[in-house]
Amino acid sequence: NAKNTVYLQMNSLKPEDTAVYYCAATISSSWYLLFARSGLYDYWG
């Protein structure tokens, strides 16, 4: 939070991991129920 940064460390990568990776943010109060739904997120890189 001090650097305003979120990281994703990816180890043991496989060819099936090939993709465009997107960061997203939300302030939704329903996050604990819906965190895996892309529609929950308000902001995208």
All heavy atoms as atom14 arrays in JSON, in Angstrom:
{
  "sequence": "NAKNTVYLQMNSLKPEDTAVYYCAATISSSWYLLFARSGLYDYWG",
  "atom14_mask": [
    [1, 1, 1, 1, 1, 1, 1, 1, 0, 0, 0, 0, 0, 0],
    [1, 1, 1, 1, 1, 0, 0, 0, 0, 0, 0, 0, 0, 0],
    [1, 1, 1, 1, 1, 1, 1, 1, 1, 0, 0, 0, 0, 0],
    [1, 1, 1, 1, 1, 1, 1, 1, 0, 0, 0, 0, 0, 0],
    [1, 1, 1, 1, 1, 1, 1, 0, 0, 0, 0, 0, 0, 0],
    [1, 1, 1, 1, 1, 1, 1, 0, 0, 0, 0, 0, 0, 0],
    [1, 1, 1, 1, 1, 1, 1, 1, 1, 1, 1, 1, 0, 0],
    [1, 1, 1, 1, 1, 1, 1, 1, 0, 0, 0, 0, 0, 0],
    [1, 1, 1, 1, 1, 1, 1, 1, 1, 0, 0, 0, 0, 0],
    [1, 1, 1, 1, 1, 1, 1, 1, 0, 0, 0, 0, 0, 0],
    [1, 1, 1, 1, 1, 1, 1, 1, 0, 0, 0, 0, 0, 0],
    [1, 1, 1, 1, 1, 1, 0, 0, 0, 0, 0, 0, 0, 0],
    [1, 1, 1, 1, 1, 1, 1, 1, 0, 0, 0, 0, 0, 0],
    [1, 1, 1, 1, 1, 1, 1, 1, 1, 0, 0, 0, 0, 0],
    [1, 1, 1, 1, 1, 1, 1, 0, 0, 0, 0, 0, 0, 0],
    [1, 1, 1, 1, 1, 1, 1, 1, 1, 0, 0, 0, 0, 0],
    [1, 1, 1, 1, 1, 1, 1, 1, 0, 0, 0, 0, 0, 0],
    [1, 1, 1, 1, 1, 1, 1, 0, 0, 0, 0, 0, 0, 0],
    [1, 1, 1, 1, 1, 0, 0, 0, 0, 0, 0, 0, 0, 0],
    [1, 1, 1, 1, 1, 1, 1, 0, 0, 0, 0, 0, 0, 0],
    [1, 1, 1, 1, 1, 1, 1, 1, 1, 1, 1, 1, 0, 0],
    [1, 1, 1, 1, 1, 1, 1, 1, 1, 1, 1, 1, 0, 0],
    [1, 1, 1, 1, 1, 1, 0, 0, 0, 0, 0, 0, 0, 0],
    [1, 1, 1, 1, 1, 0, 0, 0, 0, 0, 0, 0, 0, 0],
    [1, 1, 1, 1, 1, 0, 0, 0, 0, 0, 0, 0, 0, 0],
    [1, 1, 1, 1, 1, 1, 1, 0, 0, 0, 0, 0, 0, 0],
    [1, 1, 1, 1, 1, 1, 1, 1, 0, 0, 0, 0, 0, 0],
    [1, 1, 1, 1, 1, 1, 0, 0, 0, 0, 0, 0, 0, 0],
    [1, 1, 1, 1, 1, 1, 0, 0, 0, 0, 0, 0, 0, 0],
    [1, 1, 1, 1, 1, 1, 0, 0, 0, 0, 0, 0, 0, 0],
    [1, 1, 1, 1, 1, 1, 1, 1, 1, 1, 1, 1, 1, 1],
    [1, 1, 1, 1, 1, 1, 1, 1, 1, 1, 1, 1, 0, 0],
    [1, 1, 1, 1, 1, 1, 1, 1, 0, 0, 0, 0, 0, 0],
    [1, 1, 1, 1, 1, 1, 1, 1, 0, 0, 0, 0, 0, 0],
    [1, 1, 1, 1, 1, 1, 1, 1, 1, 1, 1, 0, 0, 0],
    [1, 1, 1, 1, 1, 0, 0, 0, 0, 0, 0, 0, 0, 0],
    [1, 1, 1, 1, 1, 1, 1, 1, 1, 1, 1, 0, 0, 0],
    [1, 1, 1, 1, 1, 1, 0, 0, 0, 0, 0, 0, 0, 0],
    [1, 1, 1, 1, 0, 0, 0, 0, 0, 0, 0, 0, 0, 0],
    [1, 1, 1, 1, 1, 1, 1, 1, 0, 0, 0, 0, 0, 0],
    [1, 1, 1, 1, 1, 1, 1, 1, 1, 1, 1, 1, 0, 0],
    [1, 1, 1, 1, 1, 1, 1, 1, 0, 0, 0, 0, 0, 0],
    [1, 1, 1, 1, 1, 1, 1, 1, 1, 1, 1, 1, 0, 0],
    [1, 1, 1, 1, 1, 1, 1, 1, 1, 1, 1, 1, 1, 1],
    [1, 1, 1, 1, 0, 0, 0, 0, 0, 0, 0, 0, 0, 0]
  ],
  "atom14_positions": [
    [[0.81, -1.21, 0.0], [0.0, 0.0, 0.0], [0.85, 1.27, 0.0], [0.43, 2.3, -0.53], [-0.95, 0.0, 1.2], [-2.04, -1.04, 1.08], [-2.33, -1.52, -0.01], [-2.66, -1.37, 2.2], [0.0, 0.0, 0.0], [0.0, 0.0, 0.0], [0.0, 0.0, 0.0], [0.0, 0.0, 0.0], [0.0, 0.0, 0.0], [0.0, 0.0, 0.0]],
    [[2.04, 1.21, 0.59], [2.92, 2.36, 0.6], [3.38, 2.73, -0.8], [3.67, 3.9, -1.08], [4.12, 2.11, 1.5], [0.0, 0.0, 0.0], [0.0, 0.0, 0.0], [0.0, 0.0, 0.0], [0.0, 0.0, 0.0], [0.0, 0.0, 0.0], [0.0, 0.0, 0.0], [0.0, 0.0, 0.0], [0.0, 0.0, 0.0], [0.0, 0.0, 0.0]],
    [[3.46, 1.74, -1.69], [3.88, 1.97, -3.07], [2.71, 1.98, -4.05], [2.92, 2.1, -5.26], [4.88, 0.91, -3.5], [6.18, 0.94, -2.72], [7.15, -0.12, -3.22], [8.46, -0.06, -2.46], [9.41, -1.11, -2.92], [0.0, 0.0, 0.0], [0.0, 0.0, 0.0], [0.0, 0.0, 0.0], [0.0, 0.0, 0.0], [0.0, 0.0, 0.0]],
    [[1.49, 1.83, -3.54], [0.3, 1.77, -4.39], [0.47, 0.73, -5.5], [0.18, 0.98, -6.68], [0.0, 3.13, -5.0], [-0.73, 4.06, -4.05], [-0.87, 3.78, -2.86], [-1.22, 5.17, -4.57], [0.0, 0.0, 0.0], [0.0, 0.0, 0.0], [0.0, 0.0, 0.0], [0.0, 0.0, 0.0], [0.0, 0.0, 0.0], [0.0, 0.0, 0.0]],
    [[0.92, -0.45, -5.12], [1.25, -1.48, -6.11], [0.75, -2.85, -5.65], [0.86, -3.19, -4.47], [2.76, -1.54, -6.35], [3.21, -0.26, -6.8], [3.1, -2.57, -7.41], [0.0, 0.0, 0.0], [0.0, 0.0, 0.0], [0.0, 0.0, 0.0], [0.0, 0.0, 0.0], [0.0, 0.0, 0.0], [0.0, 0.0, 0.0], [0.0, 0.0, 0.0]],
    [[0.22, -3.62, -6.6], [-0.12, -5.01, -6.36], [0.74, -5.86, -7.29], [1.01, -5.47, -8.43], [-1.63, -5.27, -6.58], [-2.05, -4.95, -8.0], [-1.99, -6.71, -6.22], [0.0, 0.0, 0.0], [0.0, 0.0, 0.0], [0.0, 0.0, 0.0], [0.0, 0.0, 0.0], [0.0, 0.0, 0.0], [0.0, 0.0, 0.0], [0.0, 0.0, 0.0]],
    [[1.17, -7.02, -6.79], [2.08, -7.89, -7.52], [1.45, -9.25, -7.77], [0.58, -9.7, -7.02], [3.38, -8.09, -6.74], [4.11, -6.82, -6.42], [3.93, -6.18, -5.2], [4.98, -6.24, -7.34], [4.59, -5.01, -4.9], [5.66, -5.07, -7.04], [5.46, -4.46, -5.82], [6.13, -3.3, -5.53], [0.0, 0.0, 0.0], [0.0, 0.0, 0.0]],
    [[1.94, -9.91, -8.8], [1.6, -11.31, -9.04], [2.89, -12.05, -9.36], [3.46, -11.87, -10.44], [0.61, -11.45, -10.19], [0.12, -12.88, -10.45], [-0.77, -13.36, -9.31], [-0.63, -12.96, -11.78], [0.0, 0.0, 0.0], [0.0, 0.0, 0.0], [0.0, 0.0, 0.0], [0.0, 0.0, 0.0], [0.0, 0.0, 0.0], [0.0, 0.0, 0.0]],
    [[3.36, -12.84, -8.4], [4.53, -13.67, -8.61], [4.08, -14.98, -9.23], [3.25, -15.69, -8.66], [5.24, -13.94, -7.28], [6.45, -14.85, -7.39], [7.59, -14.22, -8.17], [7.93, -13.06, -7.95], [8.17, -14.98, -9.09], [0.0, 0.0, 0.0], [0.0, 0.0, 0.0], [0.0, 0.0, 0.0], [0.0, 0.0, 0.0], [0.0, 0.0, 0.0]],
    [[4.62, -15.3, -10.4], [4.22, -16.49, -11.15], [5.42, -17.42, -11.26], [6.43, -17.08, -11.88], [3.71, -16.1, -12.53], [2.59, -15.08, -12.5], [1.88, -14.75, -14.14], [3.3, -13.97, -14.92], [0.0, 0.0, 0.0], [0.0, 0.0, 0.0], [0.0, 0.0, 0.0], [0.0, 0.0, 0.0], [0.0, 0.0, 0.0], [0.0, 0.0, 0.0]],
    [[5.31, -18.59, -10.66], [6.35, -19.6, -10.69], [5.86, -20.84, -11.43], [4.67, -21.05, -11.61], [6.78, -19.99, -9.27], [7.36, -18.84, -8.5], [8.03, -17.96, -9.06], [7.13, -18.83, -7.19], [0.0, 0.0, 0.0], [0.0, 0.0, 0.0], [0.0, 0.0, 0.0], [0.0, 0.0, 0.0], [0.0, 0.0, 0.0], [0.0, 0.0, 0.0]],
    [[6.8, -21.68, -11.83], [6.49, -22.94, -12.51], [5.53, -22.72, -13.67], [4.53, -23.42, -13.82], [5.91, -23.95, -11.52], [6.82, -24.21, -10.47], [0.0, 0.0, 0.0], [0.0, 0.0, 0.0], [0.0, 0.0, 0.0], [0.0, 0.0, 0.0], [0.0, 0.0, 0.0], [0.0, 0.0, 0.0], [0.0, 0.0, 0.0], [0.0, 0.0, 0.0]],
    [[5.84, -21.75, -14.49], [4.93, -21.36, -15.57], [4.78, -22.47, -16.6], [5.73, -23.2, -16.9], [5.43, -20.08, -16.23], [5.13, -18.82, -15.41], [6.01, -17.67, -15.88], [3.66, -18.44, -15.53], [0.0, 0.0, 0.0], [0.0, 0.0, 0.0], [0.0, 0.0, 0.0], [0.0, 0.0, 0.0], [0.0, 0.0, 0.0], [0.0, 0.0, 0.0]],
    [[3.57, -22.56, -17.14], [3.21, -23.55, -18.14], [2.76, -22.85, -19.42], [2.29, -21.72, -19.36], [2.07, -24.43, -17.63], [2.34, -25.11, -16.3], [1.09, -25.83, -15.81], [1.32, -26.49, -14.47], [0.09, -27.17, -13.98], [0.0, 0.0, 0.0], [0.0, 0.0, 0.0], [0.0, 0.0, 0.0], [0.0, 0.0, 0.0], [0.0, 0.0, 0.0]],
    [[2.86, -23.51, -20.56], [2.38, -22.88, -21.8], [0.92, -22.43, -21.71], [0.56, -21.42, -22.31], [2.56, -23.99, -22.84], [3.73, -24.77, -22.33], [3.56, -24.78, -20.84], [0.0, 0.0, 0.0], [0.0, 0.0, 0.0], [0.0, 0.0, 0.0], [0.0, 0.0, 0.0], [0.0, 0.0, 0.0], [0.0, 0.0, 0.0], [0.0, 0.0, 0.0]],
    [[0.1, -23.15, -20.96], [-1.29, -22.77, -20.83], [-1.51, -21.51, -19.99], [-2.64, -21.01, -19.89], [-2.13, -23.92, -20.26], [-1.56, -24.55, -19.01], [-0.74, -25.8, -19.29], [0.08, -25.77, -20.24], [-0.93, -26.81, -18.58], [0.0, 0.0, 0.0], [0.0, 0.0, 0.0], [0.0, 0.0, 0.0], [0.0, 0.0, 0.0], [0.0, 0.0, 0.0]],
    [[-0.45, -20.99, -19.37], [-0.53, -19.7, -18.68], [-0.42, -18.53, -19.64], [-0.6, -17.38, -19.22], [0.57, -19.59, -17.62], [0.41, -20.59, -16.49], [-0.73, -20.79, -16.03], [1.43, -21.16, -16.06], [0.0, 0.0, 0.0], [0.0, 0.0, 0.0], [0.0, 0.0, 0.0], [0.0, 0.0, 0.0], [0.0, 0.0, 0.0], [0.0, 0.0, 0.0]],
    [[-0.11, -18.78, -20.89], [0.01, -17.73, -21.88], [-1.31, -16.97, -22.02], [-2.35, -17.57, -22.27], [0.42, -18.3, -23.23], [1.73, -18.88, -23.12], [0.45, -17.23, -24.3], [0.0, 0.0, 0.0], [0.0, 0.0, 0.0], [0.0, 0.0, 0.0], [0.0, 0.0, 0.0], [0.0, 0.0, 0.0], [0.0, 0.0, 0.0], [0.0, 0.0, 0.0]],
    [[-1.26, -15.66, -21.83], [-2.47, -14.84, -21.87], [-2.08, -13.38, -21.68], [-0.94, -13.06, -21.35], [-3.45, -15.25, -20.76], [0.0, 0.0, 0.0], [0.0, 0.0, 0.0], [0.0, 0.0, 0.0], [0.0, 0.0, 0.0], [0.0, 0.0, 0.0], [0.0, 0.0, 0.0], [0.0, 0.0, 0.0], [0.0, 0.0, 0.0], [0.0, 0.0, 0.0]],
    [[-3.05, -12.51, -21.9], [-2.92, -11.13, -21.46], [-3.43, -11.06, -20.02], [-4.53, -11.52, -19.73], [-3.72, -10.16, -22.35], [-3.63, -8.74, -21.82], [-3.2, -10.22, -23.78], [0.0, 0.0, 0.0], [0.0, 0.0, 0.0], [0.0, 0.0, 0.0], [0.0, 0.0, 0.0], [0.0, 0.0, 0.0], [0.0, 0.0, 0.0], [0.0, 0.0, 0.0]],
    [[-2.63, -10.51, -19.14], [-2.97, -10.42, -17.73], [-3.41, -9.01, -17.38], [-2.74, -8.03, -17.73], [-1.77, -10.83, -16.87], [-1.55, -12.31, -16.83], [-1.09, -12.99, -17.96], [-1.83, -13.05, -15.68], [-0.92, -14.37, -17.94], [-1.65, -14.43, -15.66], [-1.19, -15.08, -16.79], [-1.02, -16.45, -16.77], [0.0, 0.0, 0.0], [0.0, 0.0, 0.0]],
    [[-4.53, -8.92, -16.68], [-5.13, -7.64, -16.33], [-5.22, -7.48, -14.82], [-5.61, -8.41, -14.11], [-6.54, -7.52, -16.9], [-6.62, -7.57, -18.4], [-6.81, -8.77, -19.07], [-6.53, -6.4, -19.15], [-6.89, -8.82, -20.45], [-6.61, -6.44, -20.53], [-6.79, -7.66, -21.17], [-6.88, -7.7, -22.54], [0.0, 0.0, 0.0], [0.0, 0.0, 0.0]],
    [[-4.91, -6.3, -14.35], [-5.11, -5.92, -12.97], [-6.44, -5.18, -12.85], [-6.8, -4.41, -13.74], [-3.96, -5.01, -12.51], [-4.09, -4.4, -10.82], [0.0, 0.0, 0.0], [0.0, 0.0, 0.0], [0.0, 0.0, 0.0], [0.0, 0.0, 0.0], [0.0, 0.0, 0.0], [0.0, 0.0, 0.0], [0.0, 0.0, 0.0], [0.0, 0.0, 0.0]],
    [[-7.16, -5.41, -11.76], [-8.45, -4.77, -11.55], [-8.63, -4.4, -10.09], [-8.04, -5.0, -9.2], [-9.58, -5.71, -11.99], [0.0, 0.0, 0.0], [0.0, 0.0, 0.0], [0.0, 0.0, 0.0], [0.0, 0.0, 0.0], [0.0, 0.0, 0.0], [0.0, 0.0, 0.0], [0.0, 0.0, 0.0], [0.0, 0.0, 0.0], [0.0, 0.0, 0.0]],
    [[-9.47, -3.39, -9.85], [-9.7, -2.89, -8.5], [-11.19, -2.66, -8.26], [-11.93, -2.28, -9.17], [-8.94, -1.6, -8.26], [0.0, 0.0, 0.0], [0.0, 0.0, 0.0], [0.0, 0.0, 0.0], [0.0, 0.0, 0.0], [0.0, 0.0, 0.0], [0.0, 0.0, 0.0], [0.0, 0.0, 0.0], [0.0, 0.0, 0.0], [0.0, 0.0, 0.0]],
    [[-11.62, -2.88, -7.01], [-13.0, -2.63, -6.63], [-13.07, -2.21, -5.18], [-12.23, -2.6, -4.36], [-13.88, -3.86, -6.85], [-15.23, -3.54, -6.53], [-13.43, -5.03, -5.97], [0.0, 0.0, 0.0], [0.0, 0.0, 0.0], [0.0, 0.0, 0.0], [0.0, 0.0, 0.0], [0.0, 0.0, 0.0], [0.0, 0.0, 0.0], [0.0, 0.0, 0.0]],
    [[-14.08, -1.42, -4.86], [-14.35, -1.05, -3.48], [-15.67, -1.67, -3.02], [-16.19, -1.35, -1.96], [-14.37, 0.49, -3.32], [-14.17, 0.89, -1.86], [-15.62, 1.08, -3.94], [-13.85, 2.36, -1.69], [0.0, 0.0, 0.0], [0.0, 0.0, 0.0], [0.0, 0.0, 0.0], [0.0, 0.0, 0.0], [0.0, 0.0, 0.0], [0.0, 0.0, 0.0]],
    [[-16.19, -2.6, -3.8], [-17.47, -3.23, -3.54], [-17.52, -3.9, -2.17], [-16.59, -4.6, -1.77], [-17.79, -4.27, -4.6], [-18.95, -5.01, -4.28], [0.0, 0.0, 0.0], [0.0, 0.0, 0.0], [0.0, 0.0, 0.0], [0.0, 0.0, 0.0], [0.0, 0.0, 0.0], [0.0, 0.0, 0.0], [0.0, 0.0, 0.0], [0.0, 0.0, 0.0]],
    [[-18.63, -3.71, -1.48], [-18.84, -4.36, -0.19], [-19.13, -5.85, -0.32], [-19.13, -6.57, 0.68], [-19.99, -3.68, 0.56], [-21.2, -3.77, -0.16], [0.0, 0.0, 0.0], [0.0, 0.0, 0.0], [0.0, 0.0, 0.0], [0.0, 0.0, 0.0], [0.0, 0.0, 0.0], [0.0, 0.0, 0.0], [0.0, 0.0, 0.0], [0.0, 0.0, 0.0]],
    [[-19.37, -6.31, -1.54], [-19.65, -7.72, -1.8], [-18.41, -8.51, -2.21], [-18.52, -9.63, -2.7], [-20.72, -7.85, -2.89], [-21.92, -7.22, -2.51], [0.0, 0.0, 0.0], [0.0, 0.0, 0.0], [0.0, 0.0, 0.0], [0.0, 0.0, 0.0], [0.0, 0.0, 0.0], [0.0, 0.0, 0.0], [0.0, 0.0, 0.0], [0.0, 0.0, 0.0]],
    [[-17.24, -7.94, -2.01], [-16.02, -8.54, -2.53], [-15.82, -9.98, -2.06], [-15.44, -10.84, -2.86], [-14.81, -7.69, -2.13], [-13.55, -8.19, -2.75], [-13.06, -7.89, -3.99], [-12.59, -9.08, -2.16], [-11.88, -8.53, -4.21], [-11.55, -9.27, -3.11], [-12.51, -9.74, -0.93], [-10.45, -10.09, -2.85], [-11.41, -10.55, -0.68], [-10.4, -10.71, -1.63]],
    [[-16.07, -10.27, -0.8], [-15.81, -11.6, -0.28], [-16.7, -12.66, -0.9], [-16.37, -13.85, -0.87], [-15.95, -11.62, 1.24], [-14.74, -11.11, 1.96], [-14.68, -9.79, 2.42], [-13.64, -11.93, 2.16], [-13.57, -9.32, 3.07], [-12.51, -11.45, 2.81], [-12.48, -10.15, 3.26], [-11.36, -9.67, 3.91], [0.0, 0.0, 0.0], [0.0, 0.0, 0.0]],
    [[-17.83, -12.25, -1.46], [-18.74, -13.17, -2.13], [-18.47, -13.28, -3.62], [-18.71, -14.33, -4.21], [-20.18, -12.73, -1.91], [-20.7, -12.71, -0.47], [-22.11, -12.12, -0.45], [-20.7, -14.12, 0.11], [0.0, 0.0, 0.0], [0.0, 0.0, 0.0], [0.0, 0.0, 0.0], [0.0, 0.0, 0.0], [0.0, 0.0, 0.0], [0.0, 0.0, 0.0]],
    [[-17.96, -12.21, -4.24], [-17.94, -12.11, -5.69], [-16.57, -11.81, -6.27], [-16.47, -11.36, -7.41], [-18.93, -11.02, -6.13], [-20.37, -11.18, -5.66], [-21.17, -9.93, -5.99], [-21.0, -12.41, -6.28], [0.0, 0.0, 0.0], [0.0, 0.0, 0.0], [0.0, 0.0, 0.0], [0.0, 0.0, 0.0], [0.0, 0.0, 0.0], [0.0, 0.0, 0.0]],
    [[-15.5, -12.09, -5.54], [-14.17, -11.67, -5.96], [-13.71, -12.27, -7.28], [-12.81, -11.72, -7.92], [-13.13, -11.98, -4.87], [-13.09, -13.43, -4.47], [-12.36, -14.34, -5.2], [-13.76, -13.87, -3.35], [-12.3, -15.68, -4.85], [-13.72, -15.21, -2.96], [-12.99, -16.1, -3.73], [0.0, 0.0, 0.0], [0.0, 0.0, 0.0], [0.0, 0.0, 0.0]],
    [[-14.27, -13.41, -7.68], [-13.84, -14.07, -8.91], [-14.64, -13.63, -10.14], [-14.37, -14.11, -11.24], [-13.95, -15.58, -8.76], [0.0, 0.0, 0.0], [0.0, 0.0, 0.0], [0.0, 0.0, 0.0], [0.0, 0.0, 0.0], [0.0, 0.0, 0.0], [0.0, 0.0, 0.0], [0.0, 0.0, 0.0], [0.0, 0.0, 0.0], [0.0, 0.0, 0.0]],
    [[-15.57, -12.73, -9.97], [-16.39, -12.25, -11.08], [-15.82, -10.95, -11.63], [-15.72, -9.96, -10.92], [-17.84, -12.04, -10.63], [-18.51, -13.31, -10.14], [-19.97, -13.05, -9.83], [-20.64, -14.22, -9.27], [-21.93, -14.27, -8.97], [-22.7, -13.2, -9.17], [-22.44, -15.38, -8.46], [0.0, 0.0, 0.0], [0.0, 0.0, 0.0], [0.0, 0.0, 0.0]],
    [[-15.5, -10.95, -12.9], [-14.9, -9.77, -13.5], [-15.83, -8.56, -13.44], [-15.37, -7.42, -13.35], [-14.48, -10.05, -14.94], [-15.59, -10.4, -15.74], [0.0, 0.0, 0.0], [0.0, 0.0, 0.0], [0.0, 0.0, 0.0], [0.0, 0.0, 0.0], [0.0, 0.0, 0.0], [0.0, 0.0, 0.0], [0.0, 0.0, 0.0], [0.0, 0.0, 0.0]],
    [[-17.14, -8.81, -13.47], [-18.11, -7.72, -13.44], [-18.13, -6.95, -12.15], [-18.7, -5.86, -12.1], [0.0, 0.0, 0.0], [0.0, 0.0, 0.0], [0.0, 0.0, 0.0], [0.0, 0.0, 0.0], [0.0, 0.0, 0.0], [0.0, 0.0, 0.0], [0.0, 0.0, 0.0], [0.0, 0.0, 0.0], [0.0, 0.0, 0.0], [0.0, 0.0, 0.0]],
    [[-17.54, -7.48, -11.1], [-17.49, -6.79, -9.81], [-16.53, -5.6, -9.84], [-16.72, -4.64, -9.09], [-17.06, -7.77, -8.71], [-16.95, -7.21, -7.3], [-18.33, -6.9, -6.73], [-16.23, -8.2, -6.39], [0.0, 0.0, 0.0], [0.0, 0.0, 0.0], [0.0, 0.0, 0.0], [0.0, 0.0, 0.0], [0.0, 0.0, 0.0], [0.0, 0.0, 0.0]],
    [[-15.53, -5.66, -10.68], [-14.44, -4.7, -10.62], [-14.75, -3.43, -11.4], [-15.26, -3.47, -12.52], [-13.14, -5.35, -11.1], [-12.69, -6.43, -10.15], [-13.21, -7.71, -10.23], [-11.78, -6.14, -9.14], [-12.82, -8.69, -9.33], [-11.4, -7.12, -8.24], [-11.92, -8.39, -8.33], [-11.54, -9.36, -7.43], [0.0, 0.0, 0.0], [0.0, 0.0, 0.0]],
    [[-14.4, -2.3, -10.8], [-14.73, -1.0, -11.35], [-13.63, -0.43, -12.24], [-13.91, 0.36, -13.15], [-15.0, -0.01, -10.22], [-16.09, -0.48, -9.28], [-17.24, -0.66, -9.76], [-15.82, -0.68, -8.09], [0.0, 0.0, 0.0], [0.0, 0.0, 0.0], [0.0, 0.0, 0.0], [0.0, 0.0, 0.0], [0.0, 0.0, 0.0], [0.0, 0.0, 0.0]],
    [[-12.38, -0.79, -11.97], [-11.24, -0.22, -12.67], [-10.34, -1.32, -13.19], [-10.09, -2.31, -12.51], [-10.45, 0.7, -11.73], [-11.3, 1.76, -11.09], [-11.75, 1.62, -9.79], [-11.67, 2.9, -11.8], [-12.54, 2.59, -9.2], [-12.47, 3.87, -11.22], [-12.9, 3.7, -9.93], [-13.7, 4.66, -9.35], [0.0, 0.0, 0.0], [0.0, 0.0, 0.0]],
    [[-9.82, -1.12, -14.4], [-8.99, -2.11, -15.09], [-7.76, -1.47, -15.7], [-7.82, -0.34, -16.21], [-9.78, -2.81, -16.19], [-10.89, -3.67, -15.68], [-12.14, -3.28, -15.32], [-10.83, -5.08, -15.47], [-12.87, -4.36, -14.9], [-12.1, -5.47, -14.98], [-9.84, -6.05, -15.66], [-12.39, -6.81, -14.67], [-10.13, -7.37, -15.35], [-11.4, -7.74, -14.86]],
    [[-6.65, -2.2, -15.67], [-5.47, -1.78, -16.4], [-5.57, -2.17, -17.85], [-6.54, -2.79, -18.3], [0.0, 0.0, 0.0], [0.0, 0.0, 0.0], [0.0, 0.0, 0.0], [0.0, 0.0, 0.0], [0.0, 0.0, 0.0], [0.0, 0.0, 0.0], [0.0, 0.0, 0.0], [0.0, 0.0, 0.0], [0.0, 0.0, 0.0], [0.0, 0.0, 0.0]]
  ]
}
